[in-house]
């Protein structure tokens, strides 16, 4: 899906963001806001933000002062993924 936003040049210059960086800035800002509101999971927020993995998203959230919504179930899922990955490394 594609969404189009029309911004006056005065807004863009006030934001102090280059046109070439605007798409990334808006995607990351939206990802942080939607995660903060509980509308996106960490993984989906990372996907929207265009970061390589959840860990980069965690760092971005920390920089913005957004607390991590991470429970025991999330930790168990991450441990399973890590164990699976480490098991493949031995082969």
PDB file of N, CA and C in Angstrom:
ATOM      1  N   UNK A   1       0.840  -1.178   0.000  1.00  0.00           N
ATOM      2  CA  UNK A   1       0.000   0.000   0.000  1.00  0.00           C
ATOM      3  C   UNK A   1       0.887   1.243   0.000  1.00  0.00           C
ATOM      4  N   UNK A   2       0.414   2.243  -0.644  1.00  0.00           N
ATOM      5  CA  UNK A   2       1.152   3.500  -0.694  1.00  0.00           C
ATOM      6  C   UNK A   2       0.251   4.618  -0.203  1.00  0.00           C
ATOM      7  N   UNK A   3       0.808   5.501   0.599  1.00  0.00           N
ATOM      8  CA  UNK A   3       0.087   6.687   1.075  1.00  0.00           C
ATOM      9  C   UNK A   3       0.891   7.913   0.662  1.00  0.00           C
ATOM     10  N   UNK A   4       0.198   8.956   0.321  1.00  0.00           N
ATOM     11  CA  UNK A   4       0.860  10.180  -0.120  1.00  0.00           C
ATOM     12  C   UNK A   4       0.504  11.308   0.833  1.00  0.00           C
ATOM     13  N   UNK A   5       1.521  12.047   1.252  1.00  0.00           N
ATOM     14  CA  UNK A   5       1.329  13.209   2.123  1.00  0.00           C
ATOM     15  C   UNK A   5       1.896  14.419   1.389  1.00  0.00           C
ATOM     16  N   UNK A   6       1.129  15.482   1.375  1.00  0.00           N
ATOM     17  CA  UNK A   6       1.610  16.727   0.784  1.00  0.00           C
ATOM     18  C   UNK A   6       2.010  17.663   1.914  1.00  0.00           C
ATOM     19  N   UNK A   7       3.276  18.046   1.925  1.00  0.00           N
ATOM     20  CA  UNK A   7       3.791  18.946   2.954  1.00  0.00           C
ATOM     21  C   UNK A   7       4.231  20.254   2.310  1.00  0.00           C
ATOM     22  N   UNK A   8       3.818  21.366   2.882  1.00  0.00           N
ATOM     23  CA  UNK A   8       4.331  22.647   2.385  1.00  0.00           C
ATOM     24  C   UNK A   8       5.847  22.718   2.611  1.00  0.00           C
ATOM     25  N   UNK A   9       6.540  23.393   1.722  1.00  0.00           N
ATOM     26  CA  UNK A   9       7.992  23.538   1.858  1.00  0.00           C
ATOM     27  C   UNK A   9       8.373  24.178   3.186  1.00  0.00           C
ATOM     28  N   UNK A  10       7.510  25.052   3.709  1.00  0.00           N
ATOM     29  CA  UNK A  10       7.817  25.708   4.985  1.00  0.00           C
ATOM     30  C   UNK A  10       7.868  24.692   6.125  1.00  0.00           C
ATOM     31  N   UNK A  11       7.005  23.679   6.066  1.00  0.00           N
ATOM     32  CA  UNK A  11       7.022  22.628   7.095  1.00  0.00           C
ATOM     33  C   UNK A  11       8.297  21.812   6.964  1.00  0.00           C
ATOM     34  N   UNK A  12       8.622  21.442   5.758  1.00  0.00           N
ATOM     35  CA  UNK A  12       9.825  20.645   5.521  1.00  0.00           C
ATOM     36  C   UNK A  12      11.071  21.377   5.993  1.00  0.00           C
ATOM     37  N   UNK A  13      11.166  22.655   5.709  1.00  0.00           N
ATOM     38  CA  UNK A  13      12.347  23.404   6.153  1.00  0.00           C
ATOM     39  C   UNK A  13      12.348  23.580   7.667  1.00  0.00           C
ATOM     40  N   UNK A  14      11.181  23.698   8.280  1.00  0.00           N
ATOM     41  CA  UNK A  14      11.104  23.803   9.744  1.00  0.00           C
ATOM     42  C   UNK A  14      11.551  22.511  10.420  1.00  0.00           C
ATOM     43  N   UNK A  15      11.288  21.384   9.755  1.00  0.00           N
ATOM     44  CA  UNK A  15      11.668  20.079  10.305  1.00  0.00           C
ATOM     45  C   UNK A  15      13.168  19.839  10.202  1.00  0.00           C
ATOM     46  N   UNK A  16      13.836  20.639   9.370  1.00  0.00           N
ATOM     47  CA  UNK A  16      15.278  20.497   9.155  1.00  0.00           C
ATOM     48  C   UNK A  16      15.638  19.080   8.680  1.00  0.00           C
ATOM     49  N   UNK A  17      14.867  18.612   7.710  1.00  0.00           N
ATOM     50  CA  UNK A  17      15.096  17.294   7.127  1.00  0.00           C
ATOM     51  C   UNK A  17      15.209  17.455   5.615  1.00  0.00           C
ATOM     52  N   UNK A  18      16.220  16.815   5.054  1.00  0.00           N
ATOM     53  CA  UNK A  18      16.365  16.845   3.594  1.00  0.00           C
ATOM     54  C   UNK A  18      15.259  16.016   2.949  1.00  0.00           C
ATOM     55  N   UNK A  19      14.858  16.427   1.771  1.00  0.00           N
ATOM     56  CA  UNK A  19      13.825  15.679   1.036  1.00  0.00           C
ATOM     57  C   UNK A  19      14.209  14.214   0.880  1.00  0.00           C
ATOM     58  N   UNK A  20      15.470  13.953   0.638  1.00  0.00           N
ATOM     59  CA  UNK A  20      15.929  12.576   0.430  1.00  0.00           C
ATOM     60  C   UNK A  20      15.807  11.723   1.691  1.00  0.00           C
ATOM     61  N   UNK A  21      15.755  12.353   2.859  1.00  0.00           N
ATOM     62  CA  UNK A  21      15.643  11.621   4.127  1.00  0.00           C
ATOM     63  C   UNK A  21      14.213  11.573   4.658  1.00  0.00           C
ATOM     64  N   UNK A  22      13.290  12.237   3.986  1.00  0.00           N
ATOM     65  CA  UNK A  22      11.931  12.386   4.502  1.00  0.00           C
ATOM     66  C   UNK A  22      11.193  11.059   4.627  1.00  0.00           C
ATOM     67  N   UNK A  23      11.281  10.199   3.623  1.00  0.00           N
ATOM     68  CA  UNK A  23      10.575   8.917   3.670  1.00  0.00           C
ATOM     69  C   UNK A  23      11.005   8.101   4.882  1.00  0.00           C
ATOM     70  N   UNK A  24      12.314   7.973   5.074  1.00  0.00           N
ATOM     71  CA  UNK A  24      12.826   7.202   6.209  1.00  0.00           C
ATOM     72  C   UNK A  24      12.405   7.842   7.532  1.00  0.00           C
ATOM     73  N   UNK A  25      12.494   9.162   7.622  1.00  0.00           N
ATOM     74  CA  UNK A  25      12.105   9.863   8.841  1.00  0.00           C
ATOM     75  C   UNK A  25      10.640   9.602   9.177  1.00  0.00           C
ATOM     76  N   UNK A  26       9.763   9.717   8.186  1.00  0.00           N
ATOM     77  CA  UNK A  26       8.331   9.518   8.433  1.00  0.00           C
ATOM     78  C   UNK A  26       8.013   8.075   8.798  1.00  0.00           C
ATOM     79  N   UNK A  27       8.645   7.117   8.125  1.00  0.00           N
ATOM     80  CA  UNK A  27       8.409   5.700   8.436  1.00  0.00           C
ATOM     81  C   UNK A  27       8.857   5.380   9.863  1.00  0.00           C
ATOM     82  N   UNK A  28      10.012   5.886  10.253  1.00  0.00           N
ATOM     83  CA  UNK A  28      10.517   5.605  11.601  1.00  0.00           C
ATOM     84  C   UNK A  28       9.684   6.314  12.667  1.00  0.00           C
ATOM     85  N   UNK A  29       9.288   7.541  12.394  1.00  0.00           N
ATOM     86  CA  UNK A  29       8.454   8.279  13.340  1.00  0.00           C
ATOM     87  C   UNK A  29       7.111   7.585  13.521  1.00  0.00           C
ATOM     88  N   UNK A  30       6.519   7.135  12.426  1.00  0.00           N
ATOM     89  CA  UNK A  30       5.241   6.431  12.494  1.00  0.00           C
ATOM     90  C   UNK A  30       5.391   5.098  13.220  1.00  0.00           C
ATOM     91  N   UNK A  31       6.468   4.377  12.952  1.00  0.00           N
ATOM     92  CA  UNK A  31       6.702   3.091  13.613  1.00  0.00           C
ATOM     93  C   UNK A  31       6.815   3.264  15.123  1.00  0.00           C
ATOM     94  N   UNK A  32       7.559   4.263  15.560  1.00  0.00           N
ATOM     95  CA  UNK A  32       7.716   4.527  16.998  1.00  0.00           C
ATOM     96  C   UNK A  32       6.369   4.900  17.616  1.00  0.00           C
ATOM     97  N   UNK A  33       5.622   5.775  16.955  1.00  0.00           N
ATOM     98  CA  UNK A  33       4.331   6.223  17.489  1.00  0.00           C
ATOM     99  C   UNK A  33       3.339   5.066  17.582  1.00  0.00           C
ATOM    100  N   UNK A  34       3.266   4.239  16.550  1.00  0.00           N
ATOM    101  CA  UNK A  34       2.314   3.125  16.563  1.00  0.00           C
ATOM    102  C   UNK A  34       2.715   2.053  17.569  1.00  0.00           C
ATOM    103  N   UNK A  35       4.016   1.832  17.755  1.00  0.00           N
ATOM    104  CA  UNK A  35       4.468   0.895  18.789  1.00  0.00           C
ATOM    105  C   UNK A  35       4.107   1.438  20.168  1.00  0.00           C
ATOM    106  N   UNK A  36       4.364   2.723  20.401  1.00  0.00           N
ATOM    107  CA  UNK A  36       4.066   3.359  21.685  1.00  0.00           C
ATOM    108  C   UNK A  36       2.582   3.206  22.030  1.00  0.00           C
ATOM    109  N   UNK A  37       1.716   3.332  21.021  1.00  0.00           N
ATOM    110  CA  UNK A  37       0.272   3.222  21.226  1.00  0.00           C
ATOM    111  C   UNK A  37      -0.208   1.777  21.325  1.00  0.00           C
ATOM    112  N   UNK A  38       0.682   0.821  21.093  1.00  0.00           N
ATOM    113  CA  UNK A  38       0.299  -0.579  21.151  1.00  0.00           C
ATOM    114  C   UNK A  38      -0.389  -1.074  19.890  1.00  0.00           C
ATOM    115  N   UNK A  39      -0.285  -0.330  18.815  1.00  0.00           N
ATOM    116  CA  UNK A  39      -0.932  -0.712  17.555  1.00  0.00           C
ATOM    117  C   UNK A  39      -0.056  -1.612  16.693  1.00  0.00           C
ATOM    118  N   UNK A  40       1.254  -1.607  16.950  1.00  0.00           N
ATOM    119  CA  UNK A  40       2.182  -2.468  16.217  1.00  0.00           C
ATOM    120  C   UNK A  40       3.036  -3.252  17.194  1.00  0.00           C
ATOM    121  N   UNK A  41       3.329  -4.491  16.834  1.00  0.00           N
ATOM    122  CA  UNK A  41       4.280  -5.285  17.606  1.00  0.00           C
ATOM    123  C   UNK A  41       5.684  -4.759  17.329  1.00  0.00           C
ATOM    124  N   UNK A  42       6.627  -5.219  18.107  1.00  0.00           N
ATOM    125  CA  UNK A  42       8.014  -4.812  17.905  1.00  0.00           C
ATOM    126  C   UNK A  42       8.495  -5.199  16.510  1.00  0.00           C
ATOM    127  N   UNK A  43       8.179  -6.417  16.091  1.00  0.00           N
ATOM    128  CA  UNK A  43       8.601  -6.884  14.773  1.00  0.00           C
ATOM    129  C   UNK A  43       7.996  -6.078  13.637  1.00  0.00           C
ATOM    130  N   UNK A  44       6.701  -5.783  13.737  1.00  0.00           N
ATOM    131  CA  UNK A  44       6.028  -4.998  12.698  1.00  0.00           C
ATOM    132  C   UNK A  44       6.532  -3.554  12.699  1.00  0.00           C
ATOM    133  N   UNK A  45       6.824  -3.015  13.875  1.00  0.00           N
ATOM    134  CA  UNK A  45       7.384  -1.663  13.948  1.00  0.00           C
ATOM    135  C   UNK A  45       8.758  -1.632  13.280  1.00  0.00           C
ATOM    136  N   UNK A  46       9.554  -2.669  13.514  1.00  0.00           N
ATOM    137  CA  UNK A  46      10.876  -2.757  12.881  1.00  0.00           C
ATOM    138  C   UNK A  46      10.739  -2.833  11.362  1.00  0.00           C
ATOM    139  N   UNK A  47       9.750  -3.606  10.908  1.00  0.00           N
ATOM    140  CA  UNK A  47       9.507  -3.730   9.466  1.00  0.00           C
ATOM    141  C   UNK A  47       9.122  -2.378   8.863  1.00  0.00           C
ATOM    142  N   UNK A  48       8.201  -1.677   9.508  1.00  0.00           N
ATOM    143  CA  UNK A  48       7.771  -0.366   9.021  1.00  0.00           C
ATOM    144  C   UNK A  48       8.926   0.634   9.036  1.00  0.00           C
ATOM    145  N   UNK A  49       9.722   0.598  10.093  1.00  0.00           N
ATOM    146  CA  UNK A  49      10.842   1.533  10.228  1.00  0.00           C
ATOM    147  C   UNK A  49      11.963   1.244   9.235  1.00  0.00           C
ATOM    148  N   UNK A  50      11.974   0.030   8.696  1.00  0.00           N
ATOM    149  CA  UNK A  50      13.015  -0.322   7.731  1.00  0.00           C
ATOM    150  C   UNK A  50      14.350  -0.639   8.366  1.00  0.00           C
ATOM    151  N   UNK A  51      14.328  -1.075   9.628  1.00  0.00           N
ATOM    152  CA  UNK A  51      15.579  -1.455  10.283  1.00  0.00           C
ATOM    153  C   UNK A  51      15.846  -2.938  10.038  1.00  0.00           C
ATOM    154  N   UNK A  52      17.073  -3.374  10.268  1.00  0.00           N
ATOM    155  CA  UNK A  52      17.472  -4.744   9.945  1.00  0.00           C
ATOM    156  C   UNK A  52      16.863  -5.800  10.846  1.00  0.00           C
ATOM    157  N   UNK A  53      16.611  -5.437  12.117  1.00  0.00           N
ATOM    158  CA  UNK A  53      16.107  -6.444  13.048  1.00  0.00           C
ATOM    159  C   UNK A  53      15.454  -5.773  14.256  1.00  0.00           C
ATOM    160  N   UNK A  54      14.896  -6.618  15.131  1.00  0.00           N
ATOM    161  CA  UNK A  54      14.213  -6.095  16.320  1.00  0.00           C
ATOM    162  C   UNK A  54      15.167  -5.357  17.244  1.00  0.00           C
ATOM    163  N   UNK A  55      16.422  -5.770  17.273  1.00  0.00           N
ATOM    164  CA  UNK A  55      17.377  -5.139  18.189  1.00  0.00           C
ATOM    165  C   UNK A  55      17.625  -3.685  17.797  1.00  0.00           C
ATOM    166  N   UNK A  56      17.696  -3.421  16.505  1.00  0.00           N
ATOM    167  CA  UNK A  56      17.837  -2.027  16.069  1.00  0.00           C
ATOM    168  C   UNK A  56      16.597  -1.221  16.438  1.00  0.00           C
ATOM    169  N   UNK A  57      15.432  -1.865  16.359  1.00  0.00           N
ATOM    170  CA  UNK A  57      14.196  -1.177  16.735  1.00  0.00           C
ATOM    171  C   UNK A  57      14.201  -0.879  18.224  1.00  0.00           C
ATOM    172  N   UNK A  58      14.685  -1.809  19.023  1.00  0.00           N
ATOM    173  CA  UNK A  58      14.765  -1.592  20.469  1.00  0.00           C
ATOM    174  C   UNK A  58      15.652  -0.385  20.762  1.00  0.00           C
ATOM    175  N   UNK A  59      16.785  -0.284  20.074  1.00  0.00           N
ATOM    176  CA  UNK A  59      17.675   0.866  20.266  1.00  0.00           C
ATOM    177  C   UNK A  59      16.988   2.167  19.869  1.00  0.00           C
ATOM    178  N   UNK A  60      16.248   2.133  18.762  1.00  0.00           N
ATOM    179  CA  UNK A  60      15.532   3.327  18.318  1.00  0.00           C
ATOM    180  C   UNK A  60      14.479   3.742  19.349  1.00  0.00           C
ATOM    181  N   UNK A  61      13.744   2.771  19.873  1.00  0.00           N
ATOM    182  CA  UNK A  61      12.734   3.076  20.889  1.00  0.00           C
ATOM    183  C   UNK A  61      13.383   3.661  22.140  1.00  0.00           C
ATOM    184  N   UNK A  62      14.525   3.102  22.522  1.00  0.00           N
ATOM    185  CA  UNK A  62      15.236   3.605  23.695  1.00  0.00           C
ATOM    186  C   UNK A  62      15.677   5.051  23.485  1.00  0.00           C
ATOM    187  N   UNK A  63      16.185   5.351  22.294  1.00  0.00           N
ATOM    188  CA  UNK A  63      16.606   6.727  21.984  1.00  0.00           C
ATOM    189  C   UNK A  63      15.446   7.710  22.081  1.00  0.00           C
ATOM    190  N   UNK A  64      14.241   7.228  21.779  1.00  0.00           N
ATOM    191  CA  UNK A  64      13.051   8.085  21.815  1.00  0.00           C
ATOM    192  C   UNK A  64      12.351   8.049  23.176  1.00  0.00           C
ATOM    193  N   UNK A  65      12.915   7.291  24.127  1.00  0.00           N
ATOM    194  CA  UNK A  65      12.331   7.226  25.464  1.00  0.00           C
ATOM    195  C   UNK A  65      11.060   6.400  25.540  1.00  0.00           C
ATOM    196  N   UNK A  66      10.886   5.477  24.598  1.00  0.00           N
ATOM    197  CA  UNK A  66       9.693   4.629  24.578  1.00  0.00           C
ATOM    198  C   UNK A  66      10.010   3.333  25.312  1.00  0.00           C
ATOM    199  N   UNK A  67       9.247   3.013  26.360  1.00  0.00           N
ATOM    200  CA  UNK A  67       9.510   1.773  27.094  1.00  0.00           C
ATOM    201  C   UNK A  67       9.186   0.550  26.242  1.00  0.00           C
ATOM    202  N   UNK A  68       9.925  -0.496  26.465  1.00  0.00           N
ATOM    203  CA  UNK A  68       9.758  -1.729  25.715  1.00  0.00           C
ATOM    204  C   UNK A  68       8.630  -2.552  26.323  1.00  0.00           C
ATOM    205  N   UNK A  69       7.713  -2.991  25.488  1.00  0.00           N
ATOM    206  CA  UNK A  69       6.625  -3.874  25.916  1.00  0.00           C
ATOM    207  C   UNK A  69       7.084  -5.300  25.625  1.00  0.00           C
ATOM    208  N   UNK A  70       7.795  -5.885  26.575  1.00  0.00           N
ATOM    209  CA  UNK A  70       8.453  -7.174  26.377  1.00  0.00           C
ATOM    210  C   UNK A  70       8.130  -8.046  27.572  1.00  0.00           C
ATOM    211  N   UNK A  71       7.419  -9.154  27.338  1.00  0.00           N
ATOM    212  CA  UNK A  71       7.019 -10.005  28.452  1.00  0.00           C
ATOM    213  C   UNK A  71       7.719 -11.363  28.377  1.00  0.00           C
ATOM    214  N   UNK A  72       7.364 -12.241  29.308  1.00  0.00           N
ATOM    215  CA  UNK A  72       8.004 -13.556  29.388  1.00  0.00           C
ATOM    216  C   UNK A  72       7.782 -14.363  28.111  1.00  0.00           C
ATOM    217  N   UNK A  73       6.616 -14.239  27.520  1.00  0.00           N
ATOM    218  CA  UNK A  73       6.325 -14.963  26.275  1.00  0.00           C
ATOM    219  C   UNK A  73       7.255 -14.504  25.150  1.00  0.00           C
ATOM    220  N   UNK A  74       7.503 -13.208  25.085  1.00  0.00           N
ATOM    221  CA  UNK A  74       8.435 -12.677  24.083  1.00  0.00           C
ATOM    222  C   UNK A  74       9.843 -13.219  24.321  1.00  0.00           C
ATOM    223  N   UNK A  75      10.255 -13.257  25.579  1.00  0.00           N
ATOM    224  CA  UNK A  75      11.588 -13.756  25.920  1.00  0.00           C
ATOM    225  C   UNK A  75      11.728 -15.230  25.533  1.00  0.00           C
ATOM    226  N   UNK A  76      10.695 -16.023  25.803  1.00  0.00           N
ATOM    227  CA  UNK A  76      10.736 -17.444  25.443  1.00  0.00           C
ATOM    228  C   UNK A  76      10.834 -17.624  23.933  1.00  0.00           C
ATOM    229  N   UNK A  77      10.092 -16.834  23.185  1.00  0.00           N
ATOM    230  CA  UNK A  77      10.151 -16.922  21.720  1.00  0.00           C
ATOM    231  C   UNK A  77      11.544 -16.559  21.218  1.00  0.00           C
ATOM    232  N   UNK A  78      12.143 -15.535  21.796  1.00  0.00           N
ATOM    233  CA  UNK A  78      13.496 -15.146  21.393  1.00  0.00           C
ATOM    234  C   UNK A  78      14.512 -16.228  21.747  1.00  0.00           C
ATOM    235  N   UNK A  79      14.338 -16.865  22.898  1.00  0.00           N
ATOM    236  CA  UNK A  79      15.240 -17.955  23.285  1.00  0.00           C
ATOM    237  C   UNK A  79      15.121 -19.133  22.322  1.00  0.00           C
ATOM    238  N   UNK A  80      13.896 -19.466  21.916  1.00  0.00           N
ATOM    239  CA  UNK A  80      13.708 -20.550  20.944  1.00  0.00           C
ATOM    240  C   UNK A  80      14.408 -20.216  19.628  1.00  0.00           C
ATOM    241  N   UNK A  81      14.258 -18.990  19.191  1.00  0.00           N
ATOM    242  CA  UNK A  81      14.908 -18.566  17.947  1.00  0.00           C
ATOM    243  C   UNK A  81      16.422 -18.653  18.077  1.00  0.00           C
ATOM    244  N   UNK A  82      16.950 -18.189  19.193  1.00  0.00           N
ATOM    245  CA  UNK A  82      18.393 -18.226  19.425  1.00  0.00           C
ATOM    246  C   UNK A  82      18.904 -19.659  19.471  1.00  0.00           C
ATOM    247  N   UNK A  83      18.190 -20.525  20.182  1.00  0.00           N
ATOM    248  CA  UNK A  83      18.611 -21.933  20.262  1.00  0.00           C
ATOM    249  C   UNK A  83      18.593 -22.586  18.883  1.00  0.00           C
ATOM    250  N   UNK A  84      17.573 -22.282  18.107  1.00  0.00           N
ATOM    251  CA  UNK A  84      17.480 -22.826  16.753  1.00  0.00           C
ATOM    252  C   UNK A  84      18.658 -22.346  15.910  1.00  0.00           C
ATOM    253  N   UNK A  85      18.960 -21.083  16.016  1.00  0.00           N
ATOM    254  CA  UNK A  85      20.073 -20.507  15.261  1.00  0.00           C
ATOM    255  C   UNK A  85      21.397 -21.133  15.686  1.00  0.00           C
ATOM    256  N   UNK A  86      21.613 -21.244  16.991  1.00  0.00           N
ATOM    257  CA  UNK A  86      22.868 -21.807  17.488  1.00  0.00           C
ATOM    258  C   UNK A  86      22.995 -23.271  17.110  1.00  0.00           C
ATOM    259  N   UNK A  87      21.882 -23.991  17.093  1.00  0.00           N
ATOM    260  CA  UNK A  87      21.896 -25.393  16.684  1.00  0.00           C
ATOM    261  C   UNK A  87      22.325 -25.551  15.241  1.00  0.00           C
ATOM    262  N   UNK A  88      21.921 -24.630  14.391  1.00  0.00           N
ATOM    263  CA  UNK A  88      22.300 -24.672  12.977  1.00  0.00           C
ATOM    264  C   UNK A  88      23.768 -24.316  12.789  1.00  0.00           C
ATOM    265  N   UNK A  89      24.329 -23.529  13.684  1.00  0.00           N
ATOM    266  CA  UNK A  89      25.728 -23.113  13.571  1.00  0.00           C
ATOM    267  C   UNK A  89      26.675 -24.294  13.796  1.00  0.00           C
ATOM    268  N   UNK A  90      26.249 -25.292  14.573  1.00  0.00           N
ATOM    269  CA  UNK A  90      27.110 -26.436  14.889  1.00  0.00           C
ATOM    270  C   UNK A  90      27.261 -27.375  13.700  1.00  0.00           C
ATOM    271  N   UNK A  91      26.316 -27.337  12.783  1.00  0.00           N
ATOM    272  CA  UNK A  91      26.333 -28.264  11.643  1.00  0.00           C
ATOM    273  C   UNK A  91      27.406 -27.928  10.648  1.00  0.00           C
TER     274      UNK A  91
END
